[in-house]
């Protein structure tokens, strides 16, 4: 997603989740920021606002359906 400088102080974390796009199955770029998260699919360009929780050291990413056509 964006370049990472380990020496710089950031208020966000970026990571890639392979095959996590619910639209096409492509890799999902996830950015965690204070107060929320944003996701972007590299393959189909799908944008989402997933809910991210951490329980017992395991990160769970939920992408709820917001609308259906």
Protein backbone atom coordinates (compact mmCIF):
# COMPACT_ATOMS: atom_id res chain seq x y z
CA UNK A 1 0.00 0.00 0.00
CA UNK A 2 2.43 2.67 1.19
CA UNK A 3 6.14 2.58 1.87
CA UNK A 4 7.19 1.76 5.42
CA UNK A 5 9.97 3.55 7.29
CA UNK A 6 10.62 1.68 10.55
CA UNK A 7 12.36 4.73 12.08
CA UNK A 8 9.43 7.09 11.47
CA UNK A 9 6.66 7.47 14.04
CA UNK A 10 3.21 6.73 12.61
CA UNK A 11 -0.29 6.67 13.96
CA UNK A 12 -1.25 3.85 11.60
CA UNK A 13 -0.30 0.29 10.65
CA UNK A 14 -0.47 -1.19 7.15
CA UNK A 15 -0.71 -4.87 6.31
CA UNK A 16 -1.71 -7.13 3.43
CA UNK A 17 -4.13 -10.02 3.90
CA UNK A 18 -3.80 -12.54 1.03
CA UNK A 19 -7.01 -13.65 -0.71
CA UNK A 20 -9.24 -11.67 1.69
CA UNK A 21 -11.34 -9.56 -0.71
CA UNK A 22 -14.96 -10.61 -0.37
CA UNK A 23 -15.68 -9.29 -3.87
CA UNK A 24 -13.02 -11.04 -5.99
CA UNK A 25 -10.76 -13.02 -3.64
CA UNK A 26 -7.75 -10.77 -4.27
CA UNK A 27 -5.23 -9.49 -1.74
CA UNK A 28 -6.60 -6.89 0.65
CA UNK A 29 -4.51 -3.93 1.81
CA UNK A 30 -5.56 -2.98 5.33
CA UNK A 31 -4.74 0.26 7.15
CA UNK A 32 -5.40 0.46 10.87
CA UNK A 33 -5.76 3.98 12.25
CA UNK A 34 -6.94 5.27 15.61
CA UNK A 35 -10.71 4.96 15.60
CA UNK A 36 -11.10 2.66 12.60
CA UNK A 37 -9.72 0.84 9.61
CA UNK A 38 -9.77 1.09 5.82
CA UNK A 39 -9.32 -1.67 3.23
CA UNK A 40 -8.50 -1.64 -0.49
CA UNK A 41 -8.39 -4.58 -2.91
CA UNK A 42 -5.43 -4.49 -5.26
CA UNK A 43 -7.23 -6.57 -7.91
CA UNK A 44 -10.76 -5.14 -8.21
CA UNK A 45 -10.18 -1.75 -6.49
CA UNK A 46 -12.95 -2.43 -3.94
CA UNK A 47 -12.95 -0.12 -0.89
CA UNK A 48 -14.35 -1.04 2.52
CA UNK A 49 -14.44 -0.06 6.18
CA UNK A 50 -13.89 -3.38 7.96
CA UNK A 51 -14.26 -3.91 11.70
CA UNK A 52 -11.06 -5.17 13.26
CA UNK A 53 -10.92 -6.73 16.72
CA UNK A 54 -8.13 -8.49 18.60
CA UNK A 55 -9.02 -11.21 21.10
CA UNK A 56 -6.50 -13.46 22.82
CA UNK A 57 -3.80 -12.30 20.41
CA UNK A 58 -5.84 -13.20 17.30
CA UNK A 59 -6.89 -10.46 14.88
CA UNK A 60 -10.35 -10.80 13.35
CA UNK A 61 -11.41 -8.75 10.33
CA UNK A 62 -15.16 -8.48 9.61
CA UNK A 63 -16.50 -6.89 6.44
CA UNK A 64 -20.24 -6.47 7.00
CA UNK A 65 -22.59 -6.00 4.07
CA UNK A 66 -23.62 -2.33 4.01
CA UNK A 67 -25.88 -2.37 0.98
CA UNK A 68 -27.20 -4.78 -1.62
CA UNK A 69 -28.31 -3.92 -5.15
